[in-house]
Amino acid sequence: MTPIEPVVIAVHVDDPALRKRLTDLLGSVDWLSLVREGQDADLVLSTTRAAPDNVNLTAREREVVALLAEGLSNKAIARKLGISVDTAKYHVGRVIDKLDATSRTEAVTHAARRGVILL
C-alpha cells in the first residue's frame, strides 16, 4: 500500500486563541501537515472578524437591531427597553433607513453583513 501524501494546510486566523485551537487540533491529524502562512500549501484556512462598517447607528438603534434579530415585535421591543411602542416604531424606522433596508428582515441582514450585530 502506498503511503498517502499529507494535505498541507496553512492557517491564517486573526484571533490568537482560535488560531492555537485550530493548529493544535489539525496538528494531531496524521494525514495533515501544517505550514506557516505564506508557505506553499494545498489549503489555506483564513478567517477574519469583520470590523463594523461605518453605519452611524446610535447605541439605542444598535439595541433595537439586535432585538429585531431576535424576532421581537415593536411592542416586545418597547417592553424590553422600557420605552413606548411609538418610540420603538420610530427607532425601527430609523434603523431600516440608516441600513438602507426595505424591511425589518433586510435591516437585520444588512446589520449582520456589516458587522453591526453577530448572529
C-alpha atoms as a PDB file:
ATOM      1  CA  MET A   1       0.000   0.000   0.000  1.00  0.00           C
ATOM      2  CA  THR A   2       1.381   3.415  -0.970  1.00  0.00           C
ATOM      3  CA  PRO A   3       1.600   5.987   1.772  1.00  0.00           C
ATOM      4  CA  ILE A   4      -0.831   8.868   1.479  1.00  0.00           C
ATOM      5  CA  GLU A   5       0.738  12.260   0.860  1.00  0.00           C
ATOM      6  CA  PRO A   6      -0.322  14.647   3.621  1.00  0.00           C
ATOM      7  CA  VAL A   7      -2.597  17.559   2.840  1.00  0.00           C
ATOM      8  CA  VAL A   8      -0.614  20.729   3.506  1.00  0.00           C
ATOM      9  CA  ILE A   9      -2.558  23.444   5.327  1.00  0.00           C
ATOM     10  CA  ALA A  10      -1.646  26.996   6.286  1.00  0.00           C
ATOM     11  CA  VAL A  11      -3.747  28.668   8.985  1.00  0.00           C
ATOM     12  CA  HIS A  12      -4.375  32.413   8.853  1.00  0.00           C
ATOM     13  CA  VAL A  13      -6.654  33.378  11.743  1.00  0.00           C
ATOM     14  CA  ASP A  14      -6.572  36.792  13.422  1.00  0.00           C
ATOM     15  CA  ASP A  15      -7.781  35.568  16.816  1.00  0.00           C
ATOM     16  CA  PRO A  16      -4.738  34.044  18.595  1.00  0.00           C
ATOM     17  CA  ALA A  17      -6.800  31.735  20.822  1.00  0.00           C
ATOM     18  CA  LEU A  18      -8.748  30.361  17.862  1.00  0.00           C
ATOM     19  CA  ARG A  19      -5.537  30.001  15.824  1.00  0.00           C
ATOM     20  CA  LYS A  20      -3.946  27.979  18.657  1.00  0.00           C
ATOM     21  CA  ARG A  21      -7.012  25.742  18.996  1.00  0.00           C
ATOM     22  CA  LEU A  22      -7.081  25.101  15.245  1.00  0.00           C
ATOM     23  CA  THR A  23      -3.377  24.366  14.951  1.00  0.00           C
ATOM     24  CA  ASP A  24      -3.488  22.050  17.985  1.00  0.00           C
ATOM     25  CA  LEU A  25      -6.455  20.186  16.541  1.00  0.00           C
ATOM     26  CA  LEU A  26      -5.166  19.997  12.973  1.00  0.00           C
ATOM     27  CA  GLY A  27      -1.625  19.182  14.125  1.00  0.00           C
ATOM     28  CA  SER A  28      -2.939  15.995  15.708  1.00  0.00           C
ATOM     29  CA  VAL A  29      -4.278  14.635  12.397  1.00  0.00           C
ATOM     30  CA  ASP A  30      -1.790  12.203  10.860  1.00  0.00           C
ATOM     31  CA  TRP A  31      -2.589  12.941   7.221  1.00  0.00           C
ATOM     32  CA  LEU A  32      -2.329  16.748   7.613  1.00  0.00           C
ATOM     33  CA  SER A  33       0.805  18.860   7.582  1.00  0.00           C
ATOM     34  CA  LEU A  34       0.724  22.442   8.867  1.00  0.00           C
ATOM     35  CA  VAL A  35       2.944  25.159   7.426  1.00  0.00           C
ATOM     36  CA  ARG A  36       3.371  28.828   8.208  1.00  0.00           C
ATOM     37  CA  GLU A  37       1.296  31.389   6.431  1.00  0.00           C
ATOM     38  CA  GLY A  38       2.874  32.362   3.114  1.00  0.00           C
ATOM     39  CA  GLN A  39       4.457  28.943   2.512  1.00  0.00           C
ATOM     40  CA  ASP A  40       3.171  26.650  -0.221  1.00  0.00           C
ATOM     41  CA  ALA A  41       0.017  24.890   0.905  1.00  0.00           C
ATOM     42  CA  ASP A  42      -2.777  22.829  -0.605  1.00  0.00           C
ATOM     43  CA  LEU A  43      -5.284  24.735   1.506  1.00  0.00           C
ATOM     44  CA  VAL A  44      -5.286  27.995   3.472  1.00  0.00           C
ATOM     45  CA  LEU A  45      -7.710  28.330   6.360  1.00  0.00           C
ATOM     46  CA  SER A  46      -8.358  32.021   6.703  1.00  0.00           C
ATOM     47  CA  THR A  47     -10.797  33.915   8.820  1.00  0.00           C
ATOM     48  CA  THR A  48     -11.103  37.470   9.957  1.00  0.00           C
ATOM     49  CA  ARG A  49     -13.846  39.002  12.014  1.00  0.00           C
ATOM     50  CA  ALA A  50     -15.457  41.766  10.038  1.00  0.00           C
ATOM     51  CA  ALA A  51     -14.947  45.192  11.523  1.00  0.00           C
ATOM     52  CA  PRO A  52     -18.206  47.063  11.883  1.00  0.00           C
ATOM     53  CA  ASP A  53     -18.980  49.048   8.791  1.00  0.00           C
ATOM     54  CA  ASN A  54     -19.304  52.793   9.116  1.00  0.00           C
ATOM     55  CA  VAL A  55     -23.004  52.599   9.928  1.00  0.00           C
ATOM     56  CA  ASN A  56     -23.963  55.574  12.004  1.00  0.00           C
ATOM     57  CA  LEU A  57     -26.350  53.832  14.411  1.00  0.00           C
ATOM     58  CA  THR A  58     -26.842  55.175  17.904  1.00  0.00           C
ATOM     59  CA  ALA A  59     -26.391  52.861  20.877  1.00  0.00           C
ATOM     60  CA  ARG A  60     -30.188  52.596  21.170  1.00  0.00           C
ATOM     61  CA  GLU A  61     -30.533  51.765  17.472  1.00  0.00           C
ATOM     62  CA  ARG A  62     -27.927  49.013  17.887  1.00  0.00           C
ATOM     63  CA  GLU A  63     -30.013  47.621  20.755  1.00  0.00           C
ATOM     64  CA  VAL A  64     -33.106  47.775  18.565  1.00  0.00           C
ATOM     65  CA  VAL A  65     -31.499  45.968  15.610  1.00  0.00           C
ATOM     66  CA  ALA A  66     -30.242  43.258  17.973  1.00  0.00           C
ATOM     67  CA  LEU A  67     -33.807  42.803  19.240  1.00  0.00           C
ATOM     68  CA  LEU A  68     -35.095  42.764  15.656  1.00  0.00           C
ATOM     69  CA  ALA A  69     -32.652  39.918  15.021  1.00  0.00           C
ATOM     70  CA  GLU A  70     -34.351  38.025  17.855  1.00  0.00           C
ATOM     71  CA  GLY A  71     -37.657  38.443  16.016  1.00  0.00           C
ATOM     72  CA  LEU A  72     -39.254  40.795  18.535  1.00  0.00           C
ATOM     73  CA  SER A  73     -42.254  42.904  17.606  1.00  0.00           C
ATOM     74  CA  ASN A  74     -42.355  46.659  18.196  1.00  0.00           C
ATOM     75  CA  LYS A  75     -44.453  46.036  21.304  1.00  0.00           C
ATOM     76  CA  ALA A  76     -41.955  43.495  22.654  1.00  0.00           C
ATOM     77  CA  ILE A  77     -39.035  45.821  21.859  1.00  0.00           C
ATOM     78  CA  ALA A  78     -40.811  48.628  23.721  1.00  0.00           C
ATOM     79  CA  ARG A  79     -41.366  46.412  26.761  1.00  0.00           C
ATOM     80  CA  LYS A  80     -37.784  45.130  26.750  1.00  0.00           C
ATOM     81  CA  LEU A  81     -36.293  48.640  26.507  1.00  0.00           C
ATOM     82  CA  GLY A  82     -38.833  50.387  28.738  1.00  0.00           C
ATOM     83  CA  ILE A  83     -39.980  52.773  26.014  1.00  0.00           C
ATOM     84  CA  SER A  84     -43.320  53.449  24.323  1.00  0.00           C
ATOM     85  CA  VAL A  85     -44.432  51.461  21.293  1.00  0.00           C
ATOM     86  CA  ASP A  86     -44.357  54.678  19.232  1.00  0.00           C
ATOM     87  CA  THR A  87     -40.719  55.257  20.236  1.00  0.00           C
ATOM     88  CA  ALA A  88     -39.880  51.659  19.347  1.00  0.00           C
ATOM     89  CA  LYS A  89     -41.538  52.140  15.933  1.00  0.00           C
ATOM     90  CA  TYR A  90     -39.505  55.316  15.446  1.00  0.00           C
ATOM     91  CA  HIS A  91     -36.234  53.519  16.259  1.00  0.00           C
ATOM     92  CA  VAL A  92     -37.110  50.590  13.978  1.00  0.00           C
ATOM     93  CA  GLY A  93     -37.831  53.042  11.160  1.00  0.00           C
ATOM     94  CA  ARG A  94     -34.522  54.851  11.715  1.00  0.00           C
ATOM     95  CA  VAL A  95     -32.626  51.541  11.708  1.00  0.00           C
ATOM     96  CA  ILE A  96     -34.294  50.500   8.450  1.00  0.00           C
ATOM     97  CA  ASP A  97     -33.476  53.879   6.885  1.00  0.00           C
ATOM     98  CA  LYS A  98     -29.868  54.014   8.079  1.00  0.00           C
ATOM     99  CA  LEU A  99     -29.168  50.478   6.897  1.00  0.00           C
ATOM    100  CA  ASP A 100     -30.773  51.256   3.529  1.00  0.00           C
ATOM    101  CA  ALA A 101     -33.195  48.362   4.000  1.00  0.00           C
ATOM    102  CA  THR A 102     -36.784  47.887   2.902  1.00  0.00           C
ATOM    103  CA  SER A 103     -37.927  45.659   5.766  1.00  0.00           C
ATOM    104  CA  ARG A 104     -37.097  44.574   9.286  1.00  0.00           C
ATOM    105  CA  THR A 105     -35.626  41.316   8.000  1.00  0.00           C
ATOM    106  CA  GLU A 106     -33.475  43.103   5.454  1.00  0.00           C
ATOM    107  CA  ALA A 107     -32.265  45.516   8.162  1.00  0.00           C
ATOM    108  CA  VAL A 108     -31.101  42.561  10.264  1.00  0.00           C
ATOM    109  CA  THR A 109     -29.379  41.033   7.231  1.00  0.00           C
ATOM    110  CA  HIS A 110     -27.593  44.288   6.406  1.00  0.00           C
ATOM    111  CA  ALA A 111     -26.574  44.775  10.056  1.00  0.00           C
ATOM    112  CA  ALA A 112     -25.138  41.265  10.239  1.00  0.00           C
ATOM    113  CA  ARG A 113     -23.226  41.624   6.971  1.00  0.00           C
ATOM    114  CA  ARG A 114     -21.756  44.940   8.123  1.00  0.00           C
ATOM    115  CA  GLY A 115     -20.681  43.563  11.486  1.00  0.00           C
ATOM    116  CA  VAL A 116     -23.118  45.684  13.481  1.00  0.00           C
ATOM    117  CA  ILE A 117     -24.566  42.548  15.089  1.00  0.00           C
ATOM    118  CA  LEU A 118     -23.329  38.996  15.345  1.00  0.00           C
ATOM    119  CA  LEU A 119     -25.828  36.239  14.642  1.00  0.00           C
END
